[in-house]
């Protein structure tokens, strides 16, 4: 039998398969095919939009339900409990809640309890211990472990308008005018700007009507110098503890404001949407107006929907100047 001859592998020669493929070359790009591709992309986007809107609506509803559960509970529910009610894993629920409110579930519960405690202490009846329990602290020891973070002072001092609490402060000058810096035992509790130093001191007295206001010593004046440097150049940041006191809603707004980078702005409506309250643009504006920590909580970065500068607690001219400085530093 003759040996079988294996033909050598040929290169550069068309095969029947090649001819078949070349018989139907890919169609060249034309305006018509490009338009069809764009139409397909738009249809894909439109198809995804309802799903995205439905997911956003579900996240908002789940968050609102969780907030109501936190507010109705005698003690803050555990993360696992909140997640189970939402039908999510704790990790996913935690991310959704923070994205919608600007606060973690734990921080939201703490802010809500602080508000309830302030309201309870403001009433003329009942003991301080009763107020602590009504605010959702299941043991007075749990409150006293975090008393400074909740009120910035002892509960009896808060009920007495800050009586006995020490607030150190100093008034200086910066390129934006007079500046008052005040610090509690927790951290900076006021950064006020204005034209009249005496008016700034009166504003601090109104905020803490019965606290012991103590003029700053040389050590405190060095801290004031750091704050002034920050006001002059906000982009450098302020690495100092803050004593931020407000309602749960104010805390959500102020936390969202601190997320706006220097040199950028957001509208009141955008901030409302970020905290999961898209219809609360006016309430966001009120929270900005009650901000006690100028620049540290950057309410100057919030503008009208059209980009215009609206009211600012310390004057629109200062708001404009702060934004100009931040834009120039980018």
Protein backbone atom coordinates (compact mmCIF):
# COMPACT_ATOMS: atom_id res chain seq x y z
CA UNK A 1 0.00 0.00 0.00
CA UNK A 2 1.46 3.38 -0.93
CA UNK A 3 2.23 5.73 1.92
CA UNK A 4 -0.29 8.42 2.62
CA UNK A 5 0.99 11.84 1.77
CA UNK A 6 0.03 14.68 4.08
CA UNK A 7 -0.14 17.90 2.10
CA UNK A 8 1.88 20.78 3.50
CA UNK A 9 0.06 23.60 5.28
CA UNK A 10 -0.45 26.38 2.78
CA UNK A 11 -0.46 30.02 3.77
CA UNK A 12 -1.59 33.03 1.84
CA UNK A 13 -4.01 30.99 -0.27
CA UNK A 14 -7.75 31.49 0.00
CA UNK A 15 -9.77 28.53 1.14
CA UNK A 16 -13.41 27.83 0.36
CA UNK A 17 -14.26 28.99 3.90
CA UNK A 18 -12.47 32.28 3.28
CA UNK A 19 -14.38 32.74 0.04
CA UNK A 20 -17.64 32.17 1.86
CA UNK A 21 -16.81 34.81 4.49
CA UNK A 22 -15.57 37.30 1.94
CA UNK A 23 -18.73 36.86 -0.07
CA UNK A 24 -20.59 38.75 2.69
CA UNK A 25 -18.23 41.44 4.06
CA UNK A 26 -19.47 43.58 7.04
CA UNK A 27 -21.61 46.46 5.98
CA UNK A 28 -19.77 49.78 6.05
CA UNK A 29 -20.80 52.42 8.59
CA UNK A 30 -23.31 54.81 7.11
CA UNK A 31 -25.35 57.69 8.56
CA UNK A 32 -28.30 55.31 8.57
CA UNK A 33 -26.55 52.60 10.60
CA UNK A 34 -25.09 55.18 13.02
CA UNK A 35 -28.57 56.62 13.52
CA UNK A 36 -29.94 53.13 14.15
CA UNK A 37 -27.25 52.53 16.77
CA UNK A 38 -28.10 55.79 18.52
CA UNK A 39 -31.79 54.88 18.44
CA UNK A 40 -30.97 51.52 19.98
CA UNK A 41 -28.92 53.20 22.72
CA UNK A 42 -31.76 55.61 23.49
CA UNK A 43 -34.26 52.76 23.60
CA UNK A 44 -31.96 50.90 26.00
CA UNK A 45 -31.70 53.97 28.24
CA UNK A 46 -35.48 54.43 28.14
CA UNK A 47 -35.94 50.78 29.01
CA UNK A 48 -33.64 51.09 32.01
CA UNK A 49 -35.13 54.40 33.26
CA UNK A 50 -38.36 52.89 34.67
CA UNK A 51 -36.35 50.24 36.54
CA UNK A 52 -34.03 52.90 37.99
CA UNK A 53 -36.98 55.09 38.98
CA UNK A 54 -38.72 52.12 40.59
CA UNK A 55 -35.56 51.24 42.55
CA UNK A 56 -35.16 54.84 43.71
CA UNK A 57 -38.81 54.99 44.79
CA UNK A 58 -38.42 51.71 46.67
CA UNK A 59 -35.27 52.95 48.42
CA UNK A 60 -37.06 56.15 49.45
CA UNK A 61 -40.04 54.19 50.77
CA UNK A 62 -37.84 51.72 52.65
CA UNK A 63 -35.87 54.58 54.22
CA UNK A 64 -39.02 56.47 55.23
CA UNK A 65 -40.40 53.29 56.81
CA UNK A 66 -37.14 52.76 58.71
CA UNK A 67 -37.18 56.36 59.96
CA UNK A 68 -40.72 55.91 61.26
CA UNK A 69 -39.69 52.66 62.96
CA UNK A 70 -36.72 54.37 64.63
CA UNK A 71 -38.89 57.29 65.77
CA UNK A 72 -41.65 55.02 67.12
CA UNK A 73 -39.31 52.72 69.07
CA UNK A 74 -38.54 53.22 72.74
CA UNK A 75 -34.95 52.20 72.06
CA UNK A 76 -33.10 52.38 68.74
CA UNK A 77 -33.72 49.20 66.69
CA UNK A 78 -30.68 47.14 65.76
CA UNK A 79 -29.38 47.35 62.21
CA UNK A 80 -30.39 43.74 61.60
CA UNK A 81 -33.96 44.48 62.69
CA UNK A 82 -34.24 47.49 60.38
CA UNK A 83 -32.75 45.52 57.49
CA UNK A 84 -35.18 42.63 58.06
CA UNK A 85 -38.15 45.02 57.92
CA UNK A 86 -36.76 46.40 54.65
CA UNK A 87 -36.19 42.94 53.20
CA UNK A 88 -32.50 43.68 52.63
CA UNK A 89 -29.19 42.47 53.94
CA UNK A 90 -27.78 44.69 56.72
CA UNK A 91 -24.93 45.79 54.42
CA UNK A 92 -27.26 46.77 51.56
CA UNK A 93 -29.76 48.47 53.88
CA UNK A 94 -27.00 50.47 55.58
CA UNK A 95 -25.80 51.76 52.18
CA UNK A 96 -29.32 52.63 51.00
CA UNK A 97 -30.23 54.41 54.24
CA UNK A 98 -27.07 56.53 54.25
CA UNK A 99 -27.47 57.39 50.56
CA UNK A 100 -31.05 58.54 51.16
CA UNK A 101 -30.62 60.44 54.43
CA UNK A 102 -26.95 61.39 54.59
CA UNK A 103 -26.73 59.66 57.98
CA UNK A 104 -26.19 56.09 59.09
CA UNK A 105 -29.16 54.47 60.89
CA UNK A 106 -27.24 54.77 64.17
CA UNK A 107 -26.51 58.48 63.63
CA UNK A 108 -30.14 59.14 62.65
CA UNK A 109 -31.37 57.43 65.80
CA UNK A 110 -28.90 59.42 67.93
CA UNK A 111 -29.99 62.72 66.37
CA UNK A 112 -33.65 61.85 66.87
CA UNK A 113 -33.10 60.91 70.52
CA UNK A 114 -31.18 64.14 71.05
CA UNK A 115 -34.11 66.12 69.68
CA UNK A 116 -36.58 64.24 71.89
CA UNK A 117 -34.36 64.84 74.90
CA UNK A 118 -34.15 68.57 74.17
CA UNK A 119 -37.94 68.70 73.82
CA UNK A 120 -38.43 66.73 77.04
CA UNK A 121 -36.01 68.94 78.97
CA UNK A 122 -37.78 72.05 77.66
CA UNK A 123 -41.00 71.06 79.42
CA UNK A 124 -41.57 72.47 82.87
CA UNK A 125 -42.67 69.16 84.43
CA UNK A 126 -40.86 65.93 85.17
CA UNK A 127 -37.39 65.14 86.36
CA UNK A 128 -34.27 64.99 84.26
CA UNK A 129 -34.27 61.21 84.66
CA UNK A 130 -37.85 61.05 83.33
CA UNK A 131 -36.79 63.13 80.32
CA UNK A 132 -33.86 60.81 79.65
CA UNK A 133 -36.13 57.75 79.62
CA UNK A 134 -38.78 59.49 77.50
CA UNK A 135 -36.08 60.33 74.95
CA UNK A 136 -35.44 56.61 74.38
CA UNK A 137 -32.47 55.90 76.65
CA UNK A 138 -33.32 52.57 78.26
CA UNK A 139 -31.01 53.35 81.18
CA UNK A 140 -29.73 56.61 82.51
CA UNK A 141 -26.23 55.18 82.40
CA UNK A 142 -26.57 54.82 78.61
CA UNK A 143 -27.34 58.53 78.36
CA UNK A 144 -24.48 59.62 80.61
CA UNK A 145 -22.02 57.59 78.53
CA UNK A 146 -22.78 59.90 75.59
CA UNK A 147 -24.12 63.00 77.35
CA UNK A 148 -21.55 65.30 75.80
CA UNK A 149 -22.29 64.15 72.27
CA UNK A 150 -26.05 64.42 72.78
CA UNK A 151 -26.32 67.89 74.32
CA UNK A 152 -22.79 69.21 74.62
CA UNK A 153 -23.38 69.60 78.35
CA UNK A 154 -25.10 67.87 81.25
CA UNK A 155 -28.87 67.53 81.03
CA UNK A 156 -29.45 69.76 84.07
CA UNK A 157 -27.25 72.42 82.52
CA UNK A 158 -29.21 72.22 79.26
CA UNK A 159 -32.56 72.51 81.06
CA UNK A 160 -31.22 75.57 82.86
CA UNK A 161 -30.28 77.22 79.58
CA UNK A 162 -26.69 76.09 79.85
CA UNK A 163 -26.29 77.19 83.45
CA UNK A 164 -22.98 75.97 84.77
CA UNK A 165 -21.69 74.93 81.35
CA UNK A 166 -18.51 76.60 80.22
CA UNK A 167 -18.27 78.04 76.72
CA UNK A 168 -14.93 79.58 75.84
CA UNK A 169 -14.99 82.20 73.13
CA UNK A 170 -13.03 84.97 71.49
CA UNK A 171 -13.80 87.64 68.91
CA UNK A 172 -11.29 88.58 66.26
CA UNK A 173 -11.02 90.03 62.79
CA UNK A 174 -10.60 88.44 59.38
CA UNK A 175 -10.92 89.71 55.84
CA UNK A 176 -14.66 88.98 56.00
CA UNK A 177 -15.15 91.22 59.06
CA UNK A 178 -15.59 90.28 62.69
CA UNK A 179 -15.47 86.61 63.63
CA UNK A 180 -16.52 84.90 66.87
CA UNK A 181 -15.27 81.41 67.69
CA UNK A 182 -16.74 79.45 70.61
CA UNK A 183 -15.89 76.03 71.99
CA UNK A 184 -17.70 73.75 74.42
CA UNK A 185 -16.21 70.73 76.13
CA UNK A 186 -17.04 68.72 73.00
CA UNK A 187 -15.69 70.96 70.27
CA UNK A 188 -16.35 74.10 68.27
CA UNK A 189 -19.98 75.06 68.83
CA UNK A 190 -20.09 78.42 67.03
CA UNK A 191 -18.30 80.23 64.22
CA UNK A 192 -20.13 83.50 63.65
CA UNK A 193 -19.38 86.22 61.09
CA UNK A 194 -20.60 89.81 61.03
CA UNK A 195 -19.78 93.50 61.14
CA UNK A 196 -20.49 94.19 64.82
CA UNK A 197 -18.46 92.19 67.40
CA UNK A 198 -20.94 93.06 70.15
CA UNK A 199 -23.78 91.65 68.07
CA UNK A 200 -21.88 88.39 67.64
CA UNK A 201 -21.44 88.09 71.41
CA UNK A 202 -25.17 88.72 71.91
CA UNK A 203 -25.94 85.99 69.36
CA UNK A 204 -23.78 83.58 71.37
CA UNK A 205 -25.54 84.60 74.58
CA UNK A 206 -28.91 83.94 72.93
CA UNK A 207 -27.71 80.48 71.95
CA UNK A 208 -26.50 79.69 75.49
CA UNK A 209 -28.50 82.10 77.68
CA UNK A 210 -27.26 80.78 81.04
CA UNK A 211 -23.92 79.25 80.21
CA UNK A 212 -20.70 80.62 81.66
CA UNK A 213 -19.12 82.44 78.72
CA UNK A 214 -15.40 82.67 79.32
CA UNK A 215 -13.09 84.87 77.30
CA UNK A 216 -10.33 82.97 75.56
CA UNK A 217 -6.80 82.78 76.94
CA UNK A 218 -3.65 82.74 74.76
CA UNK A 219 -4.06 79.01 74.09
CA UNK A 220 -7.60 79.54 72.88
CA UNK A 221 -6.53 82.46 70.73
CA UNK A 222 -4.19 80.11 68.89
CA UNK A 223 -7.19 77.92 68.13
CA UNK A 224 -9.04 81.00 66.88
CA UNK A 225 -6.10 81.74 64.59
CA UNK A 226 -6.49 78.26 63.08
CA UNK A 227 -10.18 78.88 62.46
CA UNK A 228 -9.44 82.27 60.90
CA UNK A 229 -6.88 80.63 58.60
CA UNK A 230 -9.53 78.12 57.55
CA UNK A 231 -12.06 80.87 56.84
CA UNK A 232 -9.49 82.68 54.72
CA UNK A 233 -8.70 79.48 52.76
CA UNK A 234 -11.48 76.87 53.21
CA UNK A 235 -9.76 74.42 50.89
CA UNK A 236 -7.14 73.67 53.58
CA UNK A 237 -9.80 72.01 55.75
CA UNK A 238 -10.42 72.25 59.49
CA UNK A 239 -9.16 69.32 61.52
CA UNK A 240 -10.92 70.24 64.76
CA UNK A 241 -13.79 68.51 66.61
CA UNK A 242 -17.21 70.10 66.15
CA UNK A 243 -20.07 70.27 68.62
CA UNK A 244 -22.97 70.19 66.15
CA UNK A 245 -26.41 70.42 67.76
CA UNK A 246 -29.62 70.27 65.80
CA UNK A 247 -32.74 68.29 64.99
CA UNK A 248 -32.53 65.04 63.05
CA UNK A 249 -33.50 66.91 59.88
CA UNK A 250 -30.94 69.65 60.45
CA UNK A 251 -28.27 67.02 61.07
CA UNK A 252 -29.12 65.37 57.75
CA UNK A 253 -28.91 68.68 55.91
CA UNK A 254 -25.67 69.75 57.57
CA UNK A 255 -24.09 66.36 56.89
CA UNK A 256 -25.03 66.68 53.22
CA UNK A 257 -23.54 70.19 53.09
CA UNK A 258 -20.24 68.88 54.41
CA UNK A 259 -20.20 66.50 51.45
CA UNK A 260 -20.04 69.37 48.92
CA UNK A 261 -16.38 69.76 47.89
CA UNK A 262 -14.72 73.21 47.99
CA UNK A 263 -15.26 75.05 44.72
CA UNK A 264 -18.53 73.26 43.97
CA UNK A 265 -22.14 74.18 44.70
CA UNK A 266 -25.49 72.44 44.99
CA UNK A 267 -29.03 73.77 44.91
CA UNK A 268 -31.45 73.58 47.82
CA UNK A 269 -33.53 71.13 45.76
CA UNK A 270 -30.49 68.94 45.13
CA UNK A 271 -29.68 68.81 48.84
CA UNK A 272 -33.32 67.94 49.58
CA UNK A 273 -33.12 65.08 47.09
CA UNK A 274 -29.83 63.84 48.55
CA UNK A 275 -31.33 63.48 52.02
CA UNK A 276 -34.40 61.68 50.72
CA UNK A 277 -36.81 64.62 51.08
CA UNK A 278 -37.20 65.98 47.52
CA UNK A 279 -40.09 68.28 48.46
CA UNK A 280 -38.29 69.87 51.40
CA UNK A 281 -36.18 72.50 49.59
CA UNK A 282 -37.58 75.29 51.79
CA UNK A 283 -36.87 73.31 54.94
CA UNK A 284 -33.32 72.80 53.68
CA UNK A 285 -33.02 76.58 53.28
CA UNK A 286 -34.19 77.06 56.88
CA UNK A 287 -31.63 74.52 58.11
CA UNK A 288 -28.93 76.47 56.25
CA UNK A 289 -30.14 79.68 57.88
CA UNK A 290 -29.78 78.18 61.37
CA UNK A 291 -26.29 76.78 60.79
CA UNK A 292 -24.15 77.92 63.77
CA UNK A 293 -20.79 77.00 62.26
CA UNK A 294 -19.95 79.26 59.33
CA UNK A 295 -17.71 77.67 56.67
CA UNK A 296 -17.15 74.53 58.81
CA UNK A 297 -20.66 73.54 57.72
CA UNK A 298 -20.48 75.09 54.24
CA UNK A 299 -23.97 76.43 53.71
CA UNK A 300 -22.37 79.07 51.46
CA UNK A 301 -22.06 76.32 48.81
CA UNK A 302 -25.85 76.05 48.47
CA UNK A 303 -27.40 78.17 45.73
CA UNK A 304 -30.71 78.61 43.97
CA UNK A 305 -31.72 76.20 41.23
CA UNK A 306 -30.66 78.75 38.59
CA UNK A 307 -27.25 79.14 40.25
CA UNK A 308 -28.05 82.51 41.78
CA UNK A 309 -26.95 83.43 45.29
CA UNK A 310 -29.86 83.59 47.70
CA UNK A 311 -29.90 84.65 51.33
CA UNK A 312 -27.01 83.81 53.60
CA UNK A 313 -27.03 84.12 57.37
CA UNK A 314 -23.85 86.20 57.29
CA UNK A 315 -24.62 88.23 54.17
CA UNK A 316 -24.69 87.45 50.45
CA UNK A 317 -21.48 89.46 49.89
CA UNK A 318 -19.59 87.08 52.19
CA UNK A 319 -21.14 84.10 50.44
CA UNK A 320 -19.97 85.43 47.09
CA UNK A 321 -16.46 86.03 48.40
CA UNK A 322 -16.17 82.56 49.92
CA UNK A 323 -17.23 80.95 46.64
CA UNK A 324 -14.82 83.16 44.70
CA UNK A 325 -11.91 82.11 46.92
CA UNK A 326 -12.73 78.45 46.60
CA UNK A 327 -13.06 78.67 42.84
CA UNK A 328 -9.73 80.48 42.60
CA UNK A 329 -8.00 77.78 44.65
CA UNK A 330 -9.00 74.96 42.30
